[in-house]
């Protein structure tokens, strides 16, 4: 008993007690403050989801159904993910102006905040690809050379080697990427809008997606020395256009002369 009392009276005991009290106080503060932040974040998310649901019912449910379950006019959005919603709405493709038609890019009818609300609501219904973060679409440190190779292999067949767009089968077309933001390019690869296939992270890794984005954005910012660029196909497009135009003109002249000679010979035969 006396040994315990002596240790309590030791000069270091008071410092140990103070240090222990500070540790306990810090742990308790961290626990309570973290829980408060988490609760605040959850409440904020629920508010955003509720706002998104109200906007969805007002603007989207006539085609996709009141619970986004889909109808005969439009597909279900359960599991579509927030990335698909953000891409379609930020590019103005949705809400669609005409059912069953291929949707072209146009100014959006919704603010970024409203789009984020609807995207949060759709995500709450069944997950799906999420809107990429700023770090995911940042081209800092990206390899544009590898991006060019990846784009040529996976994208240029439809969008053209410089992302200027091109014609597809059945009257469809791949849009130009000149107005697409890095986020929209990433979202398109994640979700595969219209006739575009889905390029998941197992097919094109997140780092490779950044390389492709870097190539597309750098290419469209480069000077275009080709005059009539014709989709940025090189510096000799004026010669190609002149050659094809001149050849077509000569063919028309030859056809016109042949027709005139035929009429002349017919008139001579009738006179004789």
Protein backbone atom coordinates (compact mmCIF):
# COMPACT_ATOMS: atom_id res chain seq x y z
CA UNK A 1 0.00 0.00 0.00
CA UNK A 2 2.79 2.37 0.87
CA UNK A 3 4.47 1.64 -2.48
CA UNK A 4 1.31 2.66 -4.36
CA UNK A 5 1.06 5.90 -2.40
CA UNK A 6 4.69 6.64 -3.06
CA UNK A 7 4.21 6.22 -6.80
CA UNK A 8 1.23 8.57 -6.69
CA UNK A 9 3.41 11.15 -5.04
CA UNK A 10 6.09 10.78 -7.67
CA UNK A 11 6.66 14.10 -9.56
CA UNK A 12 5.97 12.45 -12.95
CA UNK A 13 2.55 11.20 -11.89
CA UNK A 14 0.86 14.57 -12.32
CA UNK A 15 2.26 14.98 -15.84
CA UNK A 16 1.10 11.49 -16.76
CA UNK A 17 -2.39 12.27 -15.48
CA UNK A 18 -2.57 15.49 -17.50
CA UNK A 19 -1.32 13.77 -20.67
CA UNK A 20 -3.84 10.98 -20.24
CA UNK A 21 -6.65 13.47 -19.77
CA UNK A 22 -5.67 15.30 -22.95
CA UNK A 23 -5.62 12.08 -24.93
CA UNK A 24 -9.07 11.09 -23.69
CA UNK A 25 -10.44 14.56 -24.43
CA UNK A 26 -8.98 14.48 -27.93
CA UNK A 27 -10.48 11.09 -28.68
CA UNK A 28 -13.90 12.16 -27.42
CA UNK A 29 -13.80 15.42 -29.40
CA UNK A 30 -12.77 13.62 -32.56
CA UNK A 31 -15.55 11.09 -32.16
CA UNK A 32 -18.26 13.65 -31.54
CA UNK A 33 -17.09 16.11 -34.22
CA UNK A 34 -16.71 13.36 -36.81
CA UNK A 35 -20.15 12.03 -36.06
CA UNK A 36 -21.60 15.52 -36.41
CA UNK A 37 -19.90 16.04 -39.77
CA UNK A 38 -21.09 12.67 -40.98
CA UNK A 39 -24.66 13.40 -39.90
CA UNK A 40 -24.52 16.81 -41.56
CA UNK A 41 -23.21 15.27 -44.78
CA UNK A 42 -25.93 12.62 -44.76
CA UNK A 43 -28.62 15.25 -44.20
CA UNK A 44 -27.24 17.35 -47.04
CA UNK A 45 -27.22 14.34 -49.36
CA UNK A 46 -30.80 13.47 -48.47
CA UNK A 47 -31.85 17.04 -49.23
CA UNK A 48 -30.14 16.87 -52.61
CA UNK A 49 -31.80 13.54 -53.40
CA UNK A 50 -35.22 14.94 -52.46
CA UNK A 51 -34.69 18.00 -54.65
CA UNK A 52 -33.55 15.76 -57.49
CA UNK A 53 -36.61 13.57 -57.15
CA UNK A 54 -38.90 16.59 -57.36
CA UNK A 55 -37.12 17.81 -60.50
CA UNK A 56 -37.20 14.32 -62.00
CA UNK A 57 -40.94 13.94 -61.46
CA UNK A 58 -41.52 17.34 -63.03
CA UNK A 59 -39.23 17.05 -66.05
CA UNK A 60 -38.34 13.40 -66.72
CA UNK A 61 -41.05 11.10 -65.37
CA UNK A 62 -43.36 11.50 -68.36
CA UNK A 63 -40.94 9.34 -70.36
CA UNK A 64 -38.94 7.38 -67.75
CA UNK A 65 -41.77 6.75 -65.27
CA UNK A 66 -42.48 8.23 -61.86
CA UNK A 67 -39.93 5.94 -60.19
CA UNK A 68 -37.47 5.94 -63.12
CA UNK A 69 -38.54 2.37 -63.82
CA UNK A 70 -38.82 3.03 -67.56
CA UNK A 71 -41.74 2.98 -69.97
CA UNK A 72 -42.40 1.98 -73.55
CA UNK A 73 -41.02 5.39 -74.53
CA UNK A 74 -37.78 5.46 -72.56
CA UNK A 75 -35.56 2.98 -70.69
CA UNK A 76 -35.27 2.43 -66.96
CA UNK A 77 -32.69 4.60 -65.19
CA UNK A 78 -32.31 2.33 -62.17
CA UNK A 79 -28.62 1.44 -62.10
CA UNK A 80 -27.77 3.91 -64.86
CA UNK A 81 -25.65 5.94 -62.44
CA UNK A 82 -25.03 9.62 -61.93
CA UNK A 83 -22.41 9.78 -64.70
CA UNK A 84 -24.98 8.91 -67.37
CA UNK A 85 -27.39 11.53 -66.06
CA UNK A 86 -24.71 14.21 -65.92
CA UNK A 87 -23.51 13.44 -69.46
CA UNK A 88 -26.95 13.36 -71.05
CA UNK A 89 -28.23 16.48 -69.29
CA UNK A 90 -25.07 18.62 -69.35
CA UNK A 91 -24.79 18.11 -73.12
CA UNK A 92 -28.47 18.96 -73.61
CA UNK A 93 -29.31 15.53 -75.04
CA UNK A 94 -31.86 15.03 -72.29
CA UNK A 95 -34.66 15.79 -71.88
CA UNK A 96 -35.14 14.65 -75.46
CA UNK A 97 -36.97 16.96 -77.83
CA UNK A 98 -38.14 14.08 -80.00
CA UNK A 99 -38.74 10.50 -78.90
CA UNK A 100 -36.86 7.79 -80.78
CA UNK A 101 -34.53 10.22 -82.55
CA UNK A 102 -30.78 10.43 -82.17
CA UNK A 103 -30.11 13.23 -79.75
CA UNK A 104 -27.59 15.91 -80.72
CA UNK A 105 -25.70 18.21 -78.42
CA UNK A 106 -27.51 21.44 -77.55
CA UNK A 107 -27.59 23.97 -74.69
CA UNK A 108 -28.92 22.43 -71.49
CA UNK A 109 -32.22 23.56 -70.01
CA UNK A 110 -30.94 22.89 -66.47
CA UNK A 111 -28.35 24.51 -64.24
CA UNK A 112 -25.35 22.46 -63.04
CA UNK A 113 -26.87 22.38 -59.55
CA UNK A 114 -30.17 20.99 -60.85
CA UNK A 115 -28.33 18.36 -62.89
CA UNK A 116 -26.34 17.36 -59.81
CA UNK A 117 -29.59 16.99 -57.84
CA UNK A 118 -31.20 14.72 -60.44
CA UNK A 119 -27.97 12.72 -60.77
CA UNK A 120 -27.89 12.20 -57.00
CA UNK A 121 -31.50 10.97 -57.06
CA UNK A 122 -30.84 8.46 -59.86
CA UNK A 123 -27.69 7.26 -58.09
CA UNK A 124 -29.72 6.67 -54.92
CA UNK A 125 -31.99 4.27 -56.81
CA UNK A 126 -29.35 1.71 -57.72
CA UNK A 127 -25.79 2.95 -57.96
CA UNK A 128 -24.12 2.76 -61.36
CA UNK A 129 -21.11 4.69 -62.73
CA UNK A 130 -20.48 7.81 -60.67
CA UNK A 131 -19.55 11.27 -61.94
CA UNK A 132 -15.74 11.33 -62.15
CA UNK A 133 -13.85 13.44 -59.68
CA UNK A 134 -11.67 16.39 -60.58
CA UNK A 135 -8.58 14.27 -60.04
CA UNK A 136 -9.87 11.57 -62.39
CA UNK A 137 -10.28 13.97 -65.31
CA UNK A 138 -7.18 16.05 -64.63
CA UNK A 139 -4.67 15.76 -67.47
CA UNK A 140 -1.74 16.72 -65.29
CA UNK A 141 1.05 14.25 -66.00
CA UNK A 142 -0.97 12.45 -68.70
CA UNK A 143 0.80 10.81 -71.63
CA UNK A 144 -0.62 12.38 -74.81
CA UNK A 145 1.44 10.05 -77.01
CA UNK A 146 -0.18 7.00 -75.43
CA UNK A 147 -3.50 8.83 -75.55
CA UNK A 148 -3.14 9.21 -79.33
CA UNK A 149 -2.47 5.48 -79.71
CA UNK A 150 -5.45 4.58 -77.54
CA UNK A 151 -7.72 7.03 -79.33
CA UNK A 152 -6.64 5.74 -82.75
CA UNK A 153 -7.31 2.16 -81.66
CA UNK A 154 -10.63 2.63 -79.87
CA UNK A 155 -12.23 5.91 -80.97
CA UNK A 156 -11.01 7.20 -84.32
CA UNK A 157 -13.08 4.77 -86.38
CA UNK A 158 -16.18 6.72 -85.40
CA UNK A 159 -15.03 10.13 -84.17
CA UNK A 160 -12.21 10.63 -86.70
CA UNK A 161 -8.55 10.65 -85.73
CA UNK A 162 -8.80 14.25 -84.47
CA UNK A 163 -12.19 13.92 -82.77
CA UNK A 164 -14.05 15.93 -85.40
CA UNK A 165 -16.86 13.38 -85.68
CA UNK A 166 -17.98 11.19 -88.55
CA UNK A 167 -20.84 9.29 -90.18
CA UNK A 168 -22.01 5.87 -88.97
CA UNK A 169 -24.34 3.29 -90.42
CA UNK A 170 -28.15 3.58 -90.50
CA UNK A 171 -28.00 7.35 -90.81
CA UNK A 172 -26.37 7.85 -87.43
CA UNK A 173 -23.27 9.90 -86.73
CA UNK A 174 -20.56 10.13 -84.11
CA UNK A 175 -20.46 13.67 -82.69
CA UNK A 176 -17.53 16.02 -82.71
CA UNK A 177 -15.59 16.18 -79.45
CA UNK A 178 -14.58 19.81 -79.91
CA UNK A 179 -17.11 21.09 -77.37
CA UNK A 180 -16.85 18.19 -74.91
CA UNK A 181 -15.40 18.85 -71.48
CA UNK A 182 -12.93 16.38 -69.91
CA UNK A 183 -15.68 15.24 -67.55
CA UNK A 184 -18.09 14.58 -70.42
CA UNK A 185 -15.45 12.61 -72.35
CA UNK A 186 -14.75 10.47 -69.29
CA UNK A 187 -18.48 9.96 -68.67
CA UNK A 188 -19.06 8.94 -72.30
CA UNK A 189 -16.37 6.25 -71.99
CA UNK A 190 -17.94 5.03 -68.73
CA UNK A 191 -21.56 4.91 -69.90
CA UNK A 192 -21.51 4.44 -73.70
CA UNK A 193 -24.20 6.87 -74.88
CA UNK A 194 -26.16 6.25 -78.09
CA UNK A 195 -24.22 3.86 -80.39
CA UNK A 196 -20.96 4.20 -78.44
CA UNK A 197 -19.72 1.08 -76.60
CA UNK A 198 -18.93 1.16 -72.90
CA UNK A 199 -15.22 1.35 -72.09
CA UNK A 200 -15.10 0.20 -68.48
CA UNK A 201 -12.01 0.40 -66.33
CA UNK A 202 -11.21 -3.19 -67.27
CA UNK A 203 -11.00 -2.21 -70.95
CA UNK A 204 -9.44 1.25 -70.65
CA UNK A 205 -7.96 1.99 -67.24
CA UNK A 206 -8.61 5.30 -65.46
CA UNK A 207 -5.04 6.40 -66.22
CA UNK A 208 -5.52 5.58 -69.92
CA UNK A 209 -8.78 7.52 -69.96
CA UNK A 210 -6.84 10.55 -68.73
CA UNK A 211 -4.31 10.01 -71.55
CA UNK A 212 -7.12 9.98 -74.13
CA UNK A 213 -8.64 13.13 -72.67
CA UNK A 214 -5.24 14.84 -72.79
CA UNK A 215 -4.83 13.90 -76.47
CA UNK A 216 -8.30 15.13 -77.46
CA UNK A 217 -8.03 18.44 -75.61
CA UNK A 218 -4.47 19.11 -76.80
CA UNK A 219 -5.28 18.26 -80.43
CA UNK A 220 -8.20 20.64 -80.74
CA UNK A 221 -6.13 23.43 -79.21
CA UNK A 222 -3.35 23.07 -81.79
CA UNK A 223 -3.01 25.48 -84.71
CA UNK A 224 -4.57 24.25 -87.94
CA UNK A 225 -2.27 25.10 -90.86
CA UNK A 226 -4.31 23.22 -93.44
CA UNK A 227 -6.56 26.05 -94.61
CA UNK A 228 -9.73 24.15 -95.47
CA UNK A 229 -9.16 21.65 -92.72
CA UNK A 230 -11.96 19.25 -93.72
CA UNK A 231 -12.00 17.71 -90.26
CA UNK A 232 -8.32 18.39 -89.58
CA UNK A 233 -7.22 15.77 -92.10
CA UNK A 234 -3.88 17.41 -92.88
CA UNK A 235 -2.21 20.26 -94.71
CA UNK A 236 -3.00 19.13 -98.29
CA UNK A 237 -6.77 19.32 -98.17
CA UNK A 238 -6.93 22.27 -100.53
CA UNK A 239 -5.08 20.23 -103.17
CA UNK A 240 -7.32 17.23 -102.60
CA UNK A 241 -10.43 19.37 -102.84
CA UNK A 242 -9.15 21.07 -106.00
CA UNK A 243 -8.21 17.76 -107.61
CA UNK A 244 -11.55 16.11 -106.87
CA UNK A 245 -13.49 19.21 -107.85
CA UNK A 246 -11.53 19.63 -111.07
CA UNK A 247 -11.93 15.96 -111.95
CA UNK A 248 -15.67 16.14 -111.40
CA UNK A 249 -15.87 19.29 -113.56
CA UNK A 250 -14.03 17.56 -116.41
CA UNK A 251 -16.35 14.55 -116.20
CA UNK A 252 -19.38 16.83 -116.45
CA UNK A 253 -17.88 18.65 -119.45
CA UNK A 254 -17.17 15.31 -121.16
CA UNK A 255 -20.74 14.15 -120.57
CA UNK A 256 -22.11 17.43 -121.88
CA UNK A 257 -19.99 17.26 -125.04
CA UNK A 258 -20.99 13.64 -125.63
CA UNK A 259 -24.65 14.50 -125.27
CA UNK A 260 -24.31 17.46 -127.66
CA UNK A 261 -22.54 15.29 -130.28
CA UNK A 262 -25.20 12.60 -129.97
CA UNK A 263 -27.92 15.18 -130.58
CA UNK A 264 -25.99 16.55 -133.56
CA UNK A 265 -25.58 13.12 -135.15
CA UNK A 266 -29.27 12.36 -134.58
CA UNK A 267 -30.28 15.58 -136.30
CA UNK A 268 -28.04 14.79 -139.29
CA UNK A 269 -29.47 11.31 -139.66
CA UNK A 270 -33.02 12.64 -139.62
CA UNK A 271 -32.19 15.19 -142.33
CA UNK A 272 -30.66 12.54 -144.56
